[in-house]
């Protein structure tokens, strides 16, 4: 897996960071996507130290904005030749009105197991 590139959104904390650490530990090249530079840099250093893999890159983007998603794609293209794995762990939940950048509403199921949908 040494040549494989894995991009993980939400890689600066929680499950995303744990997943990035695991992938880096397997010898994959990893790029984490984070909103904030300071938190992203701290996660990048922690993942590199814990996995022993220096090949962990940081990409900055707020994925709640379509403009930022497109900017991230444009930044990705000249930096990397291939993408082998994409793990989307980044998310935003908002109770405010939909922004012009969103194409759809976030839908989740109720935690009570009833299967009814909750729209936000």
PDB file of N, CA and C in Angstrom:
ATOM      1  N   UNK A   1       0.813  -1.197   0.000  1.00  0.00           N
ATOM      2  CA  UNK A   1       0.000   0.000   0.000  1.00  0.00           C
ATOM      3  C   UNK A   1       0.858   1.263   0.000  1.00  0.00           C
ATOM      4  N   UNK A   2       2.136   1.149  -0.110  1.00  0.00           N
ATOM      5  CA  UNK A   2       3.023   2.293   0.010  1.00  0.00           C
ATOM      6  C   UNK A   2       2.678   3.403  -0.986  1.00  0.00           C
ATOM      7  N   UNK A   3       2.262   3.054  -2.192  1.00  0.00           N
ATOM      8  CA  UNK A   3       2.006   4.060  -3.212  1.00  0.00           C
ATOM      9  C   UNK A   3       0.581   4.607  -3.165  1.00  0.00           C
ATOM     10  N   UNK A   4      -0.258   4.091  -2.315  1.00  0.00           N
ATOM     11  CA  UNK A   4      -1.656   4.507  -2.277  1.00  0.00           C
ATOM     12  C   UNK A   4      -1.819   5.841  -1.567  1.00  0.00           C
ATOM     13  N   UNK A   5      -2.669   6.700  -2.125  1.00  0.00           N
ATOM     14  CA  UNK A   5      -2.992   7.978  -1.513  1.00  0.00           C
ATOM     15  C   UNK A   5      -4.405   7.923  -0.963  1.00  0.00           C
ATOM     16  N   UNK A   6      -4.533   8.297   0.276  1.00  0.00           N
ATOM     17  CA  UNK A   6      -5.822   8.318   0.957  1.00  0.00           C
ATOM     18  C   UNK A   6      -6.098   9.737   1.436  1.00  0.00           C
ATOM     19  N   UNK A   7      -7.222  10.319   1.028  1.00  0.00           N
ATOM     20  CA  UNK A   7      -7.644  11.621   1.536  1.00  0.00           C
ATOM     21  C   UNK A   7      -8.768  11.390   2.533  1.00  0.00           C
ATOM     22  N   UNK A   8      -8.643  12.030   3.692  1.00  0.00           N
ATOM     23  CA  UNK A   8      -9.642  11.877   4.744  1.00  0.00           C
ATOM     24  C   UNK A   8     -10.136  13.259   5.148  1.00  0.00           C
ATOM     25  N   UNK A   9     -11.418  13.515   4.884  1.00  0.00           N
ATOM     26  CA  UNK A   9     -12.003  14.769   5.333  1.00  0.00           C
ATOM     27  C   UNK A   9     -12.311  14.636   6.814  1.00  0.00           C
ATOM     28  N   UNK A  10     -12.251  15.737   7.526  1.00  0.00           N
ATOM     29  CA  UNK A  10     -12.465  15.671   8.970  1.00  0.00           C
ATOM     30  C   UNK A  10     -11.324  14.968   9.671  1.00  0.00           C
ATOM     31  N   UNK A  11     -10.137  15.021   9.089  1.00  0.00           N
ATOM     32  CA  UNK A  11      -8.991  14.293   9.622  1.00  0.00           C
ATOM     33  C   UNK A  11      -8.288  14.961  10.786  1.00  0.00           C
ATOM     34  N   UNK A  12      -8.820  16.082  11.264  1.00  0.00           N
ATOM     35  CA  UNK A  12      -8.137  16.772  12.362  1.00  0.00           C
ATOM     36  C   UNK A  12      -8.653  16.369  13.735  1.00  0.00           C
ATOM     37  N   UNK A  13      -9.712  15.559  13.789  1.00  0.00           N
ATOM     38  CA  UNK A  13     -10.226  15.131  15.096  1.00  0.00           C
ATOM     39  C   UNK A  13     -11.082  13.875  14.964  1.00  0.00           C
ATOM     40  N   UNK A  14     -11.361  13.283  16.090  1.00  0.00           N
ATOM     41  CA  UNK A  14     -12.311  12.166  16.175  1.00  0.00           C
ATOM     42  C   UNK A  14     -11.986  10.976  15.301  1.00  0.00           C
ATOM     43  N   UNK A  15     -13.036  10.412  14.714  1.00  0.00           N
ATOM     44  CA  UNK A  15     -12.908   9.214  13.889  1.00  0.00           C
ATOM     45  C   UNK A  15     -12.036   9.486  12.672  1.00  0.00           C
ATOM     46  N   UNK A  16     -12.134  10.686  12.107  1.00  0.00           N
ATOM     47  CA  UNK A  16     -11.317  11.027  10.943  1.00  0.00           C
ATOM     48  C   UNK A  16      -9.836  10.979  11.260  1.00  0.00           C
ATOM     49  N   UNK A  17      -9.453  11.534  12.409  1.00  0.00           N
ATOM     50  CA  UNK A  17      -8.046  11.516  12.806  1.00  0.00           C
ATOM     51  C   UNK A  17      -7.578  10.098  13.108  1.00  0.00           C
ATOM     52  N   UNK A  18      -8.401   9.327  13.777  1.00  0.00           N
ATOM     53  CA  UNK A  18      -8.049   7.934  14.076  1.00  0.00           C
ATOM     54  C   UNK A  18      -7.891   7.130  12.787  1.00  0.00           C
ATOM     55  N   UNK A  19      -8.764   7.373  11.826  1.00  0.00           N
ATOM     56  CA  UNK A  19      -8.676   6.688  10.532  1.00  0.00           C
ATOM     57  C   UNK A  19      -7.405   7.090   9.798  1.00  0.00           C
ATOM     58  N   UNK A  20      -7.080   8.386   9.824  1.00  0.00           N
ATOM     59  CA  UNK A  20      -5.860   8.866   9.176  1.00  0.00           C
ATOM     60  C   UNK A  20      -4.624   8.229   9.809  1.00  0.00           C
ATOM     61  N   UNK A  21      -4.634   8.125  11.109  1.00  0.00           N
ATOM     62  CA  UNK A  21      -3.504   7.517  11.821  1.00  0.00           C
ATOM     63  C   UNK A  21      -3.349   6.054  11.436  1.00  0.00           C
ATOM     64  N   UNK A  22      -4.468   5.362  11.336  1.00  0.00           N
ATOM     65  CA  UNK A  22      -4.432   3.941  10.964  1.00  0.00           C
ATOM     66  C   UNK A  22      -3.914   3.750   9.531  1.00  0.00           C
ATOM     67  N   UNK A  23      -4.423   4.584   8.603  1.00  0.00           N
ATOM     68  CA  UNK A  23      -3.974   4.497   7.207  1.00  0.00           C
ATOM     69  C   UNK A  23      -2.492   4.834   7.083  1.00  0.00           C
ATOM     70  N   UNK A  24      -2.049   5.863   7.782  1.00  0.00           N
ATOM     71  CA  UNK A  24      -0.632   6.229   7.770  1.00  0.00           C
ATOM     72  C   UNK A  24       0.208   5.104   8.362  1.00  0.00           C
ATOM     73  N   UNK A  25      -0.292   4.464   9.403  1.00  0.00           N
ATOM     74  CA  UNK A  25       0.403   3.343  10.028  1.00  0.00           C
ATOM     75  C   UNK A  25       0.537   2.140   9.105  1.00  0.00           C
ATOM     76  N   UNK A  26      -0.372   2.039   8.131  1.00  0.00           N
ATOM     77  CA  UNK A  26      -0.325   0.963   7.140  1.00  0.00           C
ATOM     78  C   UNK A  26       0.633   1.298   5.995  1.00  0.00           C
ATOM     79  N   UNK A  27       1.232   2.495   6.045  1.00  0.00           N
ATOM     80  CA  UNK A  27       2.192   2.888   5.018  1.00  0.00           C
ATOM     81  C   UNK A  27       1.609   3.685   3.868  1.00  0.00           C
ATOM     82  N   UNK A  28       0.349   4.067   3.975  1.00  0.00           N
ATOM     83  CA  UNK A  28      -0.272   4.854   2.911  1.00  0.00           C
ATOM     84  C   UNK A  28       0.166   6.310   2.997  1.00  0.00           C
ATOM     85  N   UNK A  29       0.174   6.983   1.863  1.00  0.00           N
ATOM     86  CA  UNK A  29       0.301   8.433   1.844  1.00  0.00           C
ATOM     87  C   UNK A  29      -1.069   8.974   2.235  1.00  0.00           C
ATOM     88  N   UNK A  30      -1.107   9.896   3.177  1.00  0.00           N
ATOM     89  CA  UNK A  30      -2.374  10.388   3.700  1.00  0.00           C
ATOM     90  C   UNK A  30      -2.423  11.904   3.573  1.00  0.00           C
ATOM     91  N   UNK A  31      -3.560  12.403   3.147  1.00  0.00           N
ATOM     92  CA  UNK A  31      -3.820  13.845   3.157  1.00  0.00           C
ATOM     93  C   UNK A  31      -5.087  14.056   3.972  1.00  0.00           C
ATOM     94  N   UNK A  32      -4.977  14.836   5.038  1.00  0.00           N
ATOM     95  CA  UNK A  32      -6.154  15.140   5.836  1.00  0.00           C
ATOM     96  C   UNK A  32      -6.694  16.502   5.416  1.00  0.00           C
ATOM     97  N   UNK A  33      -8.015  16.614   5.417  1.00  0.00           N
ATOM     98  CA  UNK A  33      -8.670  17.875   5.100  1.00  0.00           C
ATOM     99  C   UNK A  33      -9.231  18.427   6.401  1.00  0.00           C
ATOM    100  N   UNK A  34      -8.866  19.676   6.697  1.00  0.00           N
ATOM    101  CA  UNK A  34      -9.317  20.324   7.923  1.00  0.00           C
ATOM    102  C   UNK A  34      -9.746  21.754   7.603  1.00  0.00           C
ATOM    103  N   UNK A  35     -10.609  22.315   8.464  1.00  0.00           N
ATOM    104  CA  UNK A  35     -11.030  23.711   8.271  1.00  0.00           C
ATOM    105  C   UNK A  35      -9.987  24.691   8.760  1.00  0.00           C
ATOM    106  N   UNK A  36      -9.387  24.417   9.917  1.00  0.00           N
ATOM    107  CA  UNK A  36      -8.455  25.363  10.528  1.00  0.00           C
ATOM    108  C   UNK A  36      -7.014  24.918  10.432  1.00  0.00           C
ATOM    109  N   UNK A  37      -6.136  25.868  10.114  1.00  0.00           N
ATOM    110  CA  UNK A  37      -4.708  25.553   9.953  1.00  0.00           C
ATOM    111  C   UNK A  37      -4.077  25.069  11.258  1.00  0.00           C
ATOM    112  N   UNK A  38      -4.330  25.745  12.361  1.00  0.00           N
ATOM    113  CA  UNK A  38      -3.689  25.396  13.633  1.00  0.00           C
ATOM    114  C   UNK A  38      -4.083  23.985  14.081  1.00  0.00           C
ATOM    115  N   UNK A  39      -5.360  23.704  14.064  1.00  0.00           N
ATOM    116  CA  UNK A  39      -5.831  22.379  14.470  1.00  0.00           C
ATOM    117  C   UNK A  39      -5.363  21.304  13.480  1.00  0.00           C
ATOM    118  N   UNK A  40      -5.366  21.652  12.205  1.00  0.00           N
ATOM    119  CA  UNK A  40      -4.908  20.712  11.183  1.00  0.00           C
ATOM    120  C   UNK A  40      -3.434  20.379  11.314  1.00  0.00           C
ATOM    121  N   UNK A  41      -2.604  21.405  11.551  1.00  0.00           N
ATOM    122  CA  UNK A  41      -1.166  21.181  11.728  1.00  0.00           C
ATOM    123  C   UNK A  41      -0.889  20.316  12.960  1.00  0.00           C
ATOM    124  N   UNK A  42      -1.619  20.562  14.043  1.00  0.00           N
ATOM    125  CA  UNK A  42      -1.442  19.758  15.255  1.00  0.00           C
ATOM    126  C   UNK A  42      -1.811  18.301  14.991  1.00  0.00           C
ATOM    127  N   UNK A  43      -2.904  18.076  14.282  1.00  0.00           N
ATOM    128  CA  UNK A  43      -3.322  16.706  13.957  1.00  0.00           C
ATOM    129  C   UNK A  43      -2.315  16.043  13.034  1.00  0.00           C
ATOM    130  N   UNK A  44      -1.816  16.785  12.053  1.00  0.00           N
ATOM    131  CA  UNK A  44      -0.830  16.257  11.116  1.00  0.00           C
ATOM    132  C   UNK A  44       0.414  15.776  11.863  1.00  0.00           C
ATOM    133  N   UNK A  45       0.918  16.610  12.773  1.00  0.00           N
ATOM    134  CA  UNK A  45       2.115  16.239  13.549  1.00  0.00           C
ATOM    135  C   UNK A  45       1.841  15.029  14.435  1.00  0.00           C
ATOM    136  N   UNK A  46       0.672  14.992  15.047  1.00  0.00           N
ATOM    137  CA  UNK A  46       0.317  13.864  15.915  1.00  0.00           C
ATOM    138  C   UNK A  46       0.213  12.564  15.123  1.00  0.00           C
ATOM    139  N   UNK A  47      -0.393  12.626  13.945  1.00  0.00           N
ATOM    140  CA  UNK A  47      -0.534  11.432  13.101  1.00  0.00           C
ATOM    141  C   UNK A  47       0.837  10.953  12.635  1.00  0.00           C
ATOM    142  N   UNK A  48       1.695  11.887  12.226  1.00  0.00           N
ATOM    143  CA  UNK A  48       3.045  11.508  11.793  1.00  0.00           C
ATOM    144  C   UNK A  48       3.827  10.845  12.927  1.00  0.00           C
ATOM    145  N   UNK A  49       3.742  11.412  14.117  1.00  0.00           N
ATOM    146  CA  UNK A  49       4.483  10.867  15.261  1.00  0.00           C
ATOM    147  C   UNK A  49       3.946   9.497  15.668  1.00  0.00           C
ATOM    148  N   UNK A  50       2.635   9.358  15.731  1.00  0.00           N
ATOM    149  CA  UNK A  50       2.041   8.098  16.186  1.00  0.00           C
ATOM    150  C   UNK A  50       2.223   6.970  15.180  1.00  0.00           C
ATOM    151  N   UNK A  51       2.204   7.307  13.884  1.00  0.00           N
ATOM    152  CA  UNK A  51       2.291   6.270  12.855  1.00  0.00           C
ATOM    153  C   UNK A  51       3.727   6.008  12.406  1.00  0.00           C
ATOM    154  N   UNK A  52       4.623   6.965  12.667  1.00  0.00           N
ATOM    155  CA  UNK A  52       5.986   6.836  12.161  1.00  0.00           C
ATOM    156  C   UNK A  52       6.075   7.097  10.662  1.00  0.00           C
ATOM    157  N   UNK A  53       5.024   7.642  10.078  1.00  0.00           N
ATOM    158  CA  UNK A  53       4.960   7.904   8.644  1.00  0.00           C
ATOM    159  C   UNK A  53       4.997   9.417   8.410  1.00  0.00           C
ATOM    160  N   UNK A  54       6.070   9.929   7.796  1.00  0.00           N
ATOM    161  CA  UNK A  54       6.147  11.370   7.554  1.00  0.00           C
ATOM    162  C   UNK A  54       5.293  11.839   6.379  1.00  0.00           C
ATOM    163  N   UNK A  55       4.745  10.891   5.618  1.00  0.00           N
ATOM    164  CA  UNK A  55       3.991  11.220   4.402  1.00  0.00           C
ATOM    165  C   UNK A  55       2.521  11.514   4.718  1.00  0.00           C
ATOM    166  N   UNK A  56       2.300  12.517   5.565  1.00  0.00           N
ATOM    167  CA  UNK A  56       0.954  12.970   5.935  1.00  0.00           C
ATOM    168  C   UNK A  56       0.876  14.444   5.574  1.00  0.00           C
ATOM    169  N   UNK A  57      -0.026  14.758   4.653  1.00  0.00           N
ATOM    170  CA  UNK A  57      -0.159  16.118   4.145  1.00  0.00           C
ATOM    171  C   UNK A  57      -1.431  16.747   4.726  1.00  0.00           C
ATOM    172  N   UNK A  58      -1.481  18.073   4.708  1.00  0.00           N
ATOM    173  CA  UNK A  58      -2.634  18.816   5.210  1.00  0.00           C
ATOM    174  C   UNK A  58      -3.212  19.667   4.101  1.00  0.00           C
ATOM    175  N   UNK A  59      -4.515  19.541   3.887  1.00  0.00           N
ATOM    176  CA  UNK A  59      -5.249  20.384   2.954  1.00  0.00           C
ATOM    177  C   UNK A  59      -6.298  21.143   3.763  1.00  0.00           C
ATOM    178  N   UNK A  60      -6.459  22.422   3.472  1.00  0.00           N
ATOM    179  CA  UNK A  60      -7.410  23.245   4.216  1.00  0.00           C
ATOM    180  C   UNK A  60      -8.624  23.559   3.366  1.00  0.00           C
ATOM    181  N   UNK A  61      -9.816  23.319   3.917  1.00  0.00           N
ATOM    182  CA  UNK A  61     -11.059  23.631   3.219  1.00  0.00           C
ATOM    183  C   UNK A  61     -12.223  23.521   4.186  1.00  0.00           C
ATOM    184  N   UNK A  62     -13.202  24.402   3.994  1.00  0.00           N
ATOM    185  CA  UNK A  62     -14.470  24.319   4.719  1.00  0.00           C
ATOM    186  C   UNK A  62     -15.458  23.661   3.774  1.00  0.00           C
ATOM    187  N   UNK A  63     -15.732  22.389   3.992  1.00  0.00           N
ATOM    188  CA  UNK A  63     -16.526  21.613   3.048  1.00  0.00           C
ATOM    189  C   UNK A  63     -18.015  21.932   3.083  1.00  0.00           C
ATOM    190  N   UNK A  64     -18.437  22.870   3.926  1.00  0.00           N
ATOM    191  CA  UNK A  64     -19.834  23.292   3.906  1.00  0.00           C
ATOM    192  C   UNK A  64     -20.072  24.294   2.776  1.00  0.00           C
ATOM    193  N   UNK A  65     -19.018  24.739   2.131  1.00  0.00           N
ATOM    194  CA  UNK A  65     -19.101  25.702   1.034  1.00  0.00           C
ATOM    195  C   UNK A  65     -18.729  25.030  -0.285  1.00  0.00           C
ATOM    196  N   UNK A  66     -19.614  25.075  -1.262  1.00  0.00           N
ATOM    197  CA  UNK A  66     -19.319  24.488  -2.570  1.00  0.00           C
ATOM    198  C   UNK A  66     -18.111  25.163  -3.216  1.00  0.00           C
ATOM    199  N   UNK A  67     -17.960  26.465  -2.999  1.00  0.00           N
ATOM    200  CA  UNK A  67     -16.802  27.169  -3.546  1.00  0.00           C
ATOM    201  C   UNK A  67     -15.503  26.596  -2.971  1.00  0.00           C
ATOM    202  N   UNK A  68     -15.504  26.274  -1.677  1.00  0.00           N
ATOM    203  CA  UNK A  68     -14.321  25.688  -1.042  1.00  0.00           C
ATOM    204  C   UNK A  68     -14.061  24.270  -1.556  1.00  0.00           C
ATOM    205  N   UNK A  69     -15.112  23.516  -1.813  1.00  0.00           N
ATOM    206  CA  UNK A  69     -14.959  22.162  -2.361  1.00  0.00           C
ATOM    207  C   UNK A  69     -14.290  22.243  -3.730  1.00  0.00           C
ATOM    208  N   UNK A  70     -14.742  23.173  -4.561  1.00  0.00           N
ATOM    209  CA  UNK A  70     -14.149  23.346  -5.889  1.00  0.00           C
ATOM    210  C   UNK A  70     -12.705  23.831  -5.785  1.00  0.00           C
ATOM    211  N   UNK A  71     -12.425  24.744  -4.860  1.00  0.00           N
ATOM    212  CA  UNK A  71     -11.062  25.228  -4.653  1.00  0.00           C
ATOM    213  C   UNK A  71     -10.144  24.084  -4.223  1.00  0.00           C
ATOM    214  N   UNK A  72     -10.660  23.222  -3.325  1.00  0.00           N
ATOM    215  CA  UNK A  72      -9.884  22.069  -2.866  1.00  0.00           C
ATOM    216  C   UNK A  72      -9.558  21.135  -4.030  1.00  0.00           C
ATOM    217  N   UNK A  73     -10.521  20.911  -4.900  1.00  0.00           N
ATOM    218  CA  UNK A  73     -10.286  20.055  -6.066  1.00  0.00           C
ATOM    219  C   UNK A  73      -9.219  20.662  -6.978  1.00  0.00           C
ATOM    220  N   UNK A  74      -9.263  21.970  -7.165  1.00  0.00           N
ATOM    221  CA  UNK A  74      -8.259  22.644  -7.989  1.00  0.00           C
ATOM    222  C   UNK A  74      -6.875  22.589  -7.339  1.00  0.00           C
ATOM    223  N   UNK A  75      -6.820  22.637  -6.004  1.00  0.00           N
ATOM    224  CA  UNK A  75      -5.547  22.524  -5.292  1.00  0.00           C
ATOM    225  C   UNK A  75      -5.006  21.100  -5.379  1.00  0.00           C
ATOM    226  N   UNK A  76      -5.898  20.129  -5.369  1.00  0.00           N
ATOM    227  CA  UNK A  76      -5.509  18.716  -5.405  1.00  0.00           C
ATOM    228  C   UNK A  76      -4.847  18.336  -6.732  1.00  0.00           C
ATOM    229  N   UNK A  77      -5.427  18.776  -7.824  1.00  0.00           N
ATOM    230  CA  UNK A  77      -5.009  18.326  -9.162  1.00  0.00           C
ATOM    231  C   UNK A  77      -3.520  18.462  -9.446  1.00  0.00           C
ATOM    232  N   UNK A  78      -2.892  19.617  -9.216  1.00  0.00           N
ATOM    233  CA  UNK A  78      -1.455  19.694  -9.535  1.00  0.00           C
ATOM    234  C   UNK A  78      -0.546  19.024  -8.491  1.00  0.00           C
ATOM    235  N   UNK A  79      -1.058  18.781  -7.299  1.00  0.00           N
ATOM    236  CA  UNK A  79      -0.215  18.214  -6.228  1.00  0.00           C
ATOM    237  C   UNK A  79      -0.098  16.701  -6.282  1.00  0.00           C
ATOM    238  N   UNK A  80      -1.129  16.038  -6.767  1.00  0.00           N
ATOM    239  CA  UNK A  80      -1.177  14.570  -6.723  1.00  0.00           C
ATOM    240  C   UNK A  80      -1.516  14.014  -8.101  1.00  0.00           C
ATOM    241  N   UNK A  81      -0.972  12.838  -8.403  1.00  0.00           N
ATOM    242  CA  UNK A  81      -1.270  12.207  -9.691  1.00  0.00           C
ATOM    243  C   UNK A  81      -2.485  11.296  -9.622  1.00  0.00           C
ATOM    244  N   UNK A  82      -2.713  10.656  -8.485  1.00  0.00           N
ATOM    245  CA  UNK A  82      -3.830   9.719  -8.331  1.00  0.00           C
ATOM    246  C   UNK A  82      -4.457   9.860  -6.954  1.00  0.00           C
ATOM    247  N   UNK A  83      -5.690   9.442  -6.861  1.00  0.00           N
ATOM    248  CA  UNK A  83      -6.371   9.308  -5.576  1.00  0.00           C
ATOM    249  C   UNK A  83      -6.899   7.883  -5.514  1.00  0.00           C
ATOM    250  N   UNK A  84      -6.475   7.136  -4.494  1.00  0.00           N
ATOM    251  CA  UNK A  84      -6.871   5.740  -4.380  1.00  0.00           C
ATOM    252  C   UNK A  84      -8.023   5.536  -3.408  1.00  0.00           C
ATOM    253  N   UNK A  85      -8.051   6.308  -2.323  1.00  0.00           N
ATOM    254  CA  UNK A  85      -9.084   6.146  -1.303  1.00  0.00           C
ATOM    255  C   UNK A  85      -9.547   7.529  -0.848  1.00  0.00           C
ATOM    256  N   UNK A  86     -10.868   7.721  -0.784  1.00  0.00           N
ATOM    257  CA  UNK A  86     -11.453   8.939  -0.231  1.00  0.00           C
ATOM    258  C   UNK A  86     -12.367   8.536   0.912  1.00  0.00           C
ATOM    259  N   UNK A  87     -12.077   9.025   2.106  1.00  0.00           N
ATOM    260  CA  UNK A  87     -12.905   8.745   3.275  1.00  0.00           C
ATOM    261  C   UNK A  87     -13.491  10.067   3.737  1.00  0.00           C
ATOM    262  N   UNK A  88     -14.789  10.192   3.631  1.00  0.00           N
ATOM    263  CA  UNK A  88     -15.469  11.434   3.968  1.00  0.00           C
ATOM    264  C   UNK A  88     -15.996  11.366   5.399  1.00  0.00           C
ATOM    265  N   UNK A  89     -15.218  11.927   6.339  1.00  0.00           N
ATOM    266  CA  UNK A  89     -15.618  11.965   7.746  1.00  0.00           C
ATOM    267  C   UNK A  89     -15.994  13.372   8.183  1.00  0.00           C
ATOM    268  N   UNK A  90     -15.733  14.363   7.352  1.00  0.00           N
ATOM    269  CA  UNK A  90     -16.062  15.738   7.697  1.00  0.00           C
ATOM    270  C   UNK A  90     -17.535  15.993   7.474  1.00  0.00           C
ATOM    271  N   UNK A  91     -18.159  16.716   8.381  1.00  0.00           N
ATOM    272  CA  UNK A  91     -19.574  17.023   8.207  1.00  0.00           C
ATOM    273  C   UNK A  91     -19.912  18.295   8.957  1.00  0.00           C
ATOM    274  N   UNK A  92     -20.996  18.883   8.532  1.00  0.00           N
ATOM    275  CA  UNK A  92     -21.527  20.036   9.247  1.00  0.00           C
ATOM    276  C   UNK A  92     -23.021  19.855   9.369  1.00  0.00           C
ATOM    277  N   UNK A  93     -23.548  20.195  10.500  1.00  0.00           N
ATOM    278  CA  UNK A  93     -24.991  20.196  10.709  1.00  0.00           C
ATOM    279  C   UNK A  93     -25.378  21.607  11.104  1.00  0.00           C
ATOM    280  N   UNK A  94     -26.354  22.135  10.424  1.00  0.00           N
ATOM    281  CA  UNK A  94     -26.756  23.504  10.697  1.00  0.00           C
ATOM    282  C   UNK A  94     -28.270  23.583  10.773  1.00  0.00           C
ATOM    283  N   UNK A  95     -28.762  24.315  11.728  1.00  0.00           N
ATOM    284  CA  UNK A  95     -30.197  24.515  11.852  1.00  0.00           C
ATOM    285  C   UNK A  95     -30.642  25.798  11.135  1.00  0.00           C
ATOM    286  N   UNK A  96     -29.692  26.525  10.565  1.00  0.00           N
ATOM    287  CA  UNK A  96     -30.023  27.765   9.878  1.00  0.00           C
ATOM    288  C   UNK A  96     -30.578  27.478   8.486  1.00  0.00           C
ATOM    289  N   UNK A  97     -31.011  28.518   7.819  1.00  0.00           N
ATOM    290  CA  UNK A  97     -31.542  28.375   6.461  1.00  0.00           C
ATOM    291  C   UNK A  97     -30.442  27.876   5.538  1.00  0.00           C
ATOM    292  N   UNK A  98     -30.811  27.116   4.499  1.00  0.00           N
ATOM    293  CA  UNK A  98     -29.797  26.608   3.566  1.00  0.00           C
ATOM    294  C   UNK A  98     -29.034  27.757   2.910  1.00  0.00           C
ATOM    295  N   UNK A  99     -27.726  27.580   2.769  1.00  0.00           N
ATOM    296  CA  UNK A  99     -26.902  28.600   2.137  1.00  0.00           C
ATOM    297  C   UNK A  99     -26.954  28.409   0.624  1.00  0.00           C
ATOM    298  N   UNK A 100     -26.556  29.411  -0.144  1.00  0.00           N
ATOM    299  CA  UNK A 100     -26.562  29.251  -1.602  1.00  0.00           C
ATOM    300  C   UNK A 100     -25.530  28.242  -2.082  1.00  0.00           C
ATOM    301  N   UNK A 101     -24.599  27.849  -1.193  1.00  0.00           N
ATOM    302  CA  UNK A 101     -23.556  26.894  -1.577  1.00  0.00           C
ATOM    303  C   UNK A 101     -23.993  25.451  -1.421  1.00  0.00           C
ATOM    304  N   UNK A 102     -25.053  25.213  -0.691  1.00  0.00           N
ATOM    305  CA  UNK A 102     -25.519  23.841  -0.466  1.00  0.00           C
ATOM    306  C   UNK A 102     -26.400  23.388  -1.613  1.00  0.00           C
ATOM    307  N   UNK A 103     -26.229  22.153  -1.994  1.00  0.00           N
ATOM    308  CA  UNK A 103     -27.067  21.581  -3.041  1.00  0.00           C
ATOM    309  C   UNK A 103     -28.192  20.725  -2.470  1.00  0.00           C
ATOM    310  N   UNK A 104     -28.063  20.312  -1.225  1.00  0.00           N
ATOM    311  CA  UNK A 104     -29.097  19.491  -0.607  1.00  0.00           C
ATOM    312  C   UNK A 104     -29.103  19.717   0.892  1.00  0.00           C
ATOM    313  N   UNK A 105     -30.149  19.263   1.516  1.00  0.00           N
ATOM    314  CA  UNK A 105     -30.260  19.383   2.963  1.00  0.00           C
ATOM    315  C   UNK A 105     -29.686  18.134   3.618  1.00  0.00           C
ATOM    316  N   UNK A 106     -29.185  18.289   4.819  1.00  0.00           N
ATOM    317  CA  UNK A 106     -28.667  17.152   5.565  1.00  0.00           C
ATOM    318  C   UNK A 106     -29.844  16.360   6.122  1.00  0.00           C
ATOM    319  N   UNK A 107     -29.836  15.065   5.925  1.00  0.00           N
ATOM    320  CA  UNK A 107     -30.899  14.211   6.434  1.00  0.00           C
ATOM    321  C   UNK A 107     -30.271  13.166   7.342  1.00  0.00           C
ATOM    322  N   UNK A 108     -30.863  12.964   8.479  1.00  0.00           N
ATOM    323  CA  UNK A 108     -30.390  11.927   9.395  1.00  0.00           C
ATOM    324  C   UNK A 108     -31.592  11.222   9.997  1.00  0.00           C
ATOM    325  N   UNK A 109     -31.363  10.068  10.548  1.00  0.00           N
ATOM    326  CA  UNK A 109     -32.470   9.337  11.165  1.00  0.00           C
ATOM    327  C   UNK A 109     -32.496   9.609  12.657  1.00  0.00           C
ATOM    328  N   UNK A 110     -33.644   9.390  13.244  1.00  0.00           N
ATOM    329  CA  UNK A 110     -33.816   9.642  14.674  1.00  0.00           C
ATOM    330  C   UNK A 110     -33.010   8.637  15.493  1.00  0.00           C
ATOM    331  N   UNK A 111     -32.440   9.089  16.611  1.00  0.00           N
ATOM    332  CA  UNK A 111     -31.649   8.166  17.435  1.00  0.00           C
ATOM    333  C   UNK A 111     -32.493   7.133  18.165  1.00  0.00           C
ATOM    334  N   UNK A 112     -33.833   7.308  18.163  1.00  0.00           N
ATOM    335  CA  UNK A 112     -34.677   6.344  18.869  1.00  0.00           C
ATOM    336  C   UNK A 112     -34.909   5.071  18.069  1.00  0.00           C
ATOM    337  N   UNK A 113     -34.355   5.027  16.833  1.00  0.00           N
ATOM    338  CA  UNK A 113     -34.471   3.818  16.038  1.00  0.00           C
ATOM    339  C   UNK A 113     -35.788   3.696  15.276  1.00  0.00           C
ATOM    340  N   UNK A 114     -36.616   4.730  15.306  1.00  0.00           N
ATOM    341  CA  UNK A 114     -37.916   4.646  14.641  1.00  0.00           C
ATOM    342  C   UNK A 114     -37.802   4.675  13.129  1.00  0.00           C
ATOM    343  N   UNK A 115     -36.674   5.114  12.627  1.00  0.00           N
ATOM    344  CA  UNK A 115     -36.478   5.158  11.179  1.00  0.00           C
ATOM    345  C   UNK A 115     -37.039   6.402  10.532  1.00  0.00           C
ATOM    346  N   UNK A 116     -37.756   7.225  11.279  1.00  0.00           N
ATOM    347  CA  UNK A 116     -38.285   8.471  10.724  1.00  0.00           C
ATOM    348  C   UNK A 116     -37.137   9.427  10.478  1.00  0.00           C
ATOM    349  N   UNK A 117     -37.263  10.205   9.425  1.00  0.00           N
ATOM    350  CA  UNK A 117     -36.195  11.126   9.067  1.00  0.00           C
ATOM    351  C   UNK A 117     -36.344  12.463   9.764  1.00  0.00           C
ATOM    352  N   UNK A 118     -35.196  13.066  10.017  1.00  0.00           N
ATOM    353  CA  UNK A 118     -35.127  14.403  10.586  1.00  0.00           C
ATOM    354  C   UNK A 118     -34.384  15.243   9.570  1.00  0.00           C
ATOM    355  N   UNK A 119     -34.975  16.354   9.130  1.00  0.00           N
ATOM    356  CA  UNK A 119     -34.317  17.228   8.173  1.00  0.00           C
ATOM    357  C   UNK A 119     -33.732  18.419   8.922  1.00  0.00           C
ATOM    358  N   UNK A 120     -32.528  18.798   8.539  1.00  0.00           N
ATOM    359  CA  UNK A 120     -31.927  19.996   9.132  1.00  0.00           C
ATOM    360  C   UNK A 120     -31.412  20.889   8.045  1.00  0.00           C
TER     361      UNK A 120
END
